[in-house]
Amino acid sequence: MHSISHRGFRITARPYQLLATGHWTIDIEISRKGHLRTFSSDDRYLNEQEAIAQSFAFARRIIAGEISGCSVASLHQG
């Protein structure tokens, strides 16, 4: 797993490879002060490195409030 910090949150990228196609997908954890939310995306990538980079970009957009239906508001309460 790969992790970074962003605006007081810890982002952990957990991409996984789909057996049927060999493509990689996004699965992330965003945590703050012992509280955790997980998110995923239907987007697919050709390799693990690209999936990791896109996982972090996706998480940053969630934290910025740019992804409809994805929120870390409950993590601000901790």
N, C-alpha and C. Protein backbone atom coordinates (compact mmCIF):
# COMPACT_ATOMS: atom_id res chain seq x y z
N MET A 1 0.84 -1.18 0.00
CA MET A 1 0.00 0.00 0.00
C MET A 1 0.88 1.24 0.00
N HIS A 2 0.36 2.29 -0.58
CA HIS A 2 1.09 3.55 -0.69
C HIS A 2 0.26 4.64 -0.02
N SER A 3 0.93 5.49 0.79
CA SER A 3 0.21 6.52 1.54
C SER A 3 0.88 7.88 1.40
N ILE A 4 0.04 8.92 1.46
CA ILE A 4 0.51 10.30 1.51
C ILE A 4 -0.37 11.08 2.47
N SER A 5 0.09 12.25 2.88
CA SER A 5 -0.72 13.17 3.68
C SER A 5 -1.16 14.32 2.79
N HIS A 6 -2.39 14.79 3.02
CA HIS A 6 -2.92 15.91 2.25
C HIS A 6 -3.96 16.64 3.09
N ARG A 7 -3.70 17.92 3.39
CA ARG A 7 -4.62 18.78 4.15
C ARG A 7 -5.09 18.16 5.46
N GLY A 8 -4.18 17.51 6.15
CA GLY A 8 -4.51 16.92 7.45
C GLY A 8 -5.12 15.53 7.38
N PHE A 9 -5.25 14.99 6.19
CA PHE A 9 -5.80 13.65 6.00
C PHE A 9 -4.68 12.71 5.57
N ARG A 10 -4.86 11.45 5.86
CA ARG A 10 -3.96 10.40 5.39
C ARG A 10 -4.68 9.67 4.27
N ILE A 11 -4.05 9.60 3.12
CA ILE A 11 -4.63 8.91 1.96
C ILE A 11 -3.82 7.64 1.72
N THR A 12 -4.49 6.51 1.66
CA THR A 12 -3.84 5.25 1.36
C THR A 12 -4.43 4.68 0.08
N ALA A 13 -3.59 4.50 -0.92
CA ALA A 13 -4.00 3.91 -2.19
C ALA A 13 -3.87 2.40 -2.10
N ARG A 14 -4.93 1.69 -2.47
CA ARG A 14 -4.93 0.23 -2.44
C ARG A 14 -5.42 -0.32 -3.77
N PRO A 15 -4.73 0.03 -4.87
CA PRO A 15 -5.20 -0.45 -6.17
C PRO A 15 -5.11 -1.96 -6.26
N TYR A 16 -6.00 -2.53 -7.06
CA TYR A 16 -5.93 -3.98 -7.25
C TYR A 16 -6.14 -4.30 -8.72
N GLN A 17 -5.59 -5.41 -9.11
CA GLN A 17 -5.65 -5.83 -10.50
C GLN A 17 -6.84 -6.76 -10.71
N LEU A 18 -7.59 -6.47 -11.76
CA LEU A 18 -8.74 -7.31 -12.12
C LEU A 18 -8.25 -8.53 -12.90
N LEU A 19 -8.59 -9.70 -12.45
CA LEU A 19 -8.10 -10.93 -13.09
C LEU A 19 -8.59 -11.07 -14.52
N ALA A 20 -9.83 -10.69 -14.78
CA ALA A 20 -10.41 -10.89 -16.11
C ALA A 20 -9.73 -10.07 -17.20
N THR A 21 -9.31 -8.85 -16.86
CA THR A 21 -8.75 -7.96 -17.89
C THR A 21 -7.29 -7.60 -17.68
N GLY A 22 -6.80 -7.75 -16.46
CA GLY A 22 -5.44 -7.33 -16.14
C GLY A 22 -5.33 -5.85 -15.84
N HIS A 23 -6.44 -5.12 -15.97
CA HIS A 23 -6.44 -3.70 -15.66
C HIS A 23 -6.43 -3.48 -14.15
N TRP A 24 -6.09 -2.27 -13.77
CA TRP A 24 -6.02 -1.90 -12.35
C TRP A 24 -7.14 -0.93 -12.03
N THR A 25 -7.63 -0.98 -10.80
CA THR A 25 -8.71 -0.12 -10.37
C THR A 25 -8.35 0.62 -9.08
N ILE A 26 -9.13 1.64 -8.78
CA ILE A 26 -8.88 2.50 -7.62
C ILE A 26 -9.65 1.99 -6.40
N ASP A 27 -8.98 1.92 -5.29
CA ASP A 27 -9.58 1.68 -3.99
C ASP A 27 -8.75 2.50 -3.00
N ILE A 28 -9.38 3.41 -2.27
CA ILE A 28 -8.62 4.28 -1.36
C ILE A 28 -9.24 4.33 0.02
N GLU A 29 -8.39 4.64 0.99
CA GLU A 29 -8.82 4.96 2.35
C GLU A 29 -8.40 6.40 2.62
N ILE A 30 -9.31 7.16 3.20
CA ILE A 30 -8.98 8.51 3.66
C ILE A 30 -9.26 8.52 5.15
N SER A 31 -8.24 8.88 5.94
CA SER A 31 -8.41 8.85 7.40
C SER A 31 -7.94 10.15 8.02
N ARG A 32 -8.47 10.38 9.22
CA ARG A 32 -8.08 11.55 10.01
C ARG A 32 -8.44 11.29 11.46
N LYS A 33 -7.48 11.44 12.34
CA LYS A 33 -7.68 11.31 13.79
C LYS A 33 -8.44 10.04 14.16
N GLY A 34 -8.02 8.93 13.58
CA GLY A 34 -8.59 7.64 13.95
C GLY A 34 -9.90 7.29 13.25
N HIS A 35 -10.41 8.17 12.41
CA HIS A 35 -11.64 7.90 11.67
C HIS A 35 -11.27 7.61 10.22
N LEU A 36 -12.04 6.74 9.58
CA LEU A 36 -11.66 6.24 8.26
C LEU A 36 -12.88 6.16 7.35
N ARG A 37 -12.69 6.52 6.08
CA ARG A 37 -13.69 6.32 5.02
C ARG A 37 -12.99 5.65 3.86
N THR A 38 -13.69 4.77 3.16
CA THR A 38 -13.14 4.13 1.97
C THR A 38 -13.94 4.56 0.74
N PHE A 39 -13.27 4.61 -0.38
CA PHE A 39 -13.89 4.99 -1.64
C PHE A 39 -13.29 4.16 -2.76
N SER A 40 -14.05 4.00 -3.84
CA SER A 40 -13.53 3.32 -5.02
C SER A 40 -14.09 4.00 -6.26
N SER A 41 -13.56 3.62 -7.39
CA SER A 41 -13.98 4.19 -8.67
C SER A 41 -14.11 3.08 -9.69
N ASP A 42 -14.97 3.30 -10.67
CA ASP A 42 -15.13 2.32 -11.75
C ASP A 42 -14.07 2.50 -12.84
N ASP A 43 -13.26 3.55 -12.74
CA ASP A 43 -12.22 3.80 -13.73
C ASP A 43 -11.20 2.66 -13.72
N ARG A 44 -10.61 2.38 -14.88
CA ARG A 44 -9.62 1.31 -15.02
C ARG A 44 -8.33 1.88 -15.60
N TYR A 45 -7.20 1.30 -15.20
CA TYR A 45 -5.89 1.77 -15.63
C TYR A 45 -5.05 0.59 -16.10
N LEU A 46 -4.10 0.87 -16.98
CA LEU A 46 -3.30 -0.19 -17.59
C LEU A 46 -2.24 -0.76 -16.68
N ASN A 47 -1.79 0.04 -15.68
CA ASN A 47 -0.75 -0.47 -14.79
C ASN A 47 -0.94 0.05 -13.37
N GLU A 48 -0.24 -0.56 -12.46
CA GLU A 48 -0.38 -0.24 -11.03
C GLU A 48 0.06 1.20 -10.73
N GLN A 49 1.15 1.65 -11.33
CA GLN A 49 1.66 2.99 -11.05
C GLN A 49 0.65 4.06 -11.43
N GLU A 50 0.02 3.89 -12.58
CA GLU A 50 -1.01 4.84 -13.01
C GLU A 50 -2.20 4.81 -12.06
N ALA A 51 -2.59 3.63 -11.62
CA ALA A 51 -3.70 3.49 -10.68
C ALA A 51 -3.38 4.17 -9.35
N ILE A 52 -2.15 4.05 -8.89
CA ILE A 52 -1.74 4.71 -7.64
C ILE A 52 -1.82 6.23 -7.80
N ALA A 53 -1.25 6.75 -8.88
CA ALA A 53 -1.27 8.19 -9.12
C ALA A 53 -2.70 8.71 -9.22
N GLN A 54 -3.56 7.98 -9.91
CA GLN A 54 -4.95 8.40 -10.05
C GLN A 54 -5.73 8.24 -8.74
N SER A 55 -5.33 7.29 -7.91
CA SER A 55 -5.95 7.13 -6.60
C SER A 55 -5.72 8.37 -5.75
N PHE A 56 -4.49 8.87 -5.76
CA PHE A 56 -4.19 10.07 -4.98
C PHE A 56 -4.92 11.30 -5.54
N ALA A 57 -4.99 11.40 -6.86
CA ALA A 57 -5.71 12.52 -7.48
C ALA A 57 -7.20 12.46 -7.14
N PHE A 58 -7.78 11.26 -7.19
CA PHE A 58 -9.18 11.05 -6.84
C PHE A 58 -9.43 11.44 -5.38
N ALA A 59 -8.56 11.02 -4.48
CA ALA A 59 -8.70 11.34 -3.05
C ALA A 59 -8.60 12.85 -2.81
N ARG A 60 -7.67 13.51 -3.47
CA ARG A 60 -7.55 14.97 -3.32
C ARG A 60 -8.83 15.67 -3.76
N ARG A 61 -9.44 15.18 -4.83
CA ARG A 61 -10.70 15.77 -5.31
C ARG A 61 -11.83 15.51 -4.32
N ILE A 62 -11.84 14.34 -3.69
CA ILE A 62 -12.85 14.07 -2.66
C ILE A 62 -12.67 15.03 -1.50
N ILE A 63 -11.46 15.18 -1.03
CA ILE A 63 -11.17 16.09 0.09
C ILE A 63 -11.57 17.52 -0.25
N ALA A 64 -11.38 17.92 -1.49
CA ALA A 64 -11.74 19.28 -1.93
C ALA A 64 -13.25 19.43 -2.16
N GLY A 65 -14.00 18.34 -2.04
CA GLY A 65 -15.45 18.40 -2.22
C GLY A 65 -15.89 18.43 -3.67
N GLU A 66 -15.05 17.94 -4.57
CA GLU A 66 -15.32 18.00 -6.01
C GLU A 66 -15.98 16.76 -6.59
N ILE A 67 -16.18 15.72 -5.79
CA ILE A 67 -16.77 14.48 -6.29
C ILE A 67 -18.15 14.30 -5.66
N SER A 68 -19.17 14.41 -6.48
CA SER A 68 -20.55 14.25 -6.01
C SER A 68 -20.75 12.86 -5.39
N GLY A 69 -21.38 12.84 -4.23
CA GLY A 69 -21.65 11.57 -3.56
C GLY A 69 -20.50 11.02 -2.73
N CYS A 70 -19.37 11.72 -2.71
CA CYS A 70 -18.21 11.29 -1.91
C CYS A 70 -17.83 12.43 -0.98
N SER A 71 -17.83 12.17 0.31
CA SER A 71 -17.54 13.23 1.27
C SER A 71 -16.70 12.71 2.44
N VAL A 72 -15.86 13.60 2.94
CA VAL A 72 -15.09 13.30 4.15
C VAL A 72 -15.56 14.18 5.30
N ALA A 73 -16.76 14.75 5.17
CA ALA A 73 -17.29 15.65 6.19
C ALA A 73 -17.31 14.99 7.57
N SER A 74 -17.63 13.72 7.64
CA SER A 74 -17.67 13.03 8.94
C SER A 74 -16.29 12.93 9.57
N LEU A 75 -15.23 13.03 8.78
CA LEU A 75 -13.87 12.97 9.32
C LEU A 75 -13.43 14.29 9.92
N HIS A 76 -14.11 15.37 9.59
CA HIS A 76 -13.77 16.68 10.15
C HIS A 76 -14.20 16.79 11.61
N GLN A 77 -15.11 15.94 12.02
CA GLN A 77 -15.66 16.00 13.37
C GLN A 77 -14.72 15.42 14.41
N GLY A 78 -13.74 14.63 13.95
CA GLY A 78 -12.85 13.93 14.88
C GLY A 78 -11.80 14.79 15.49
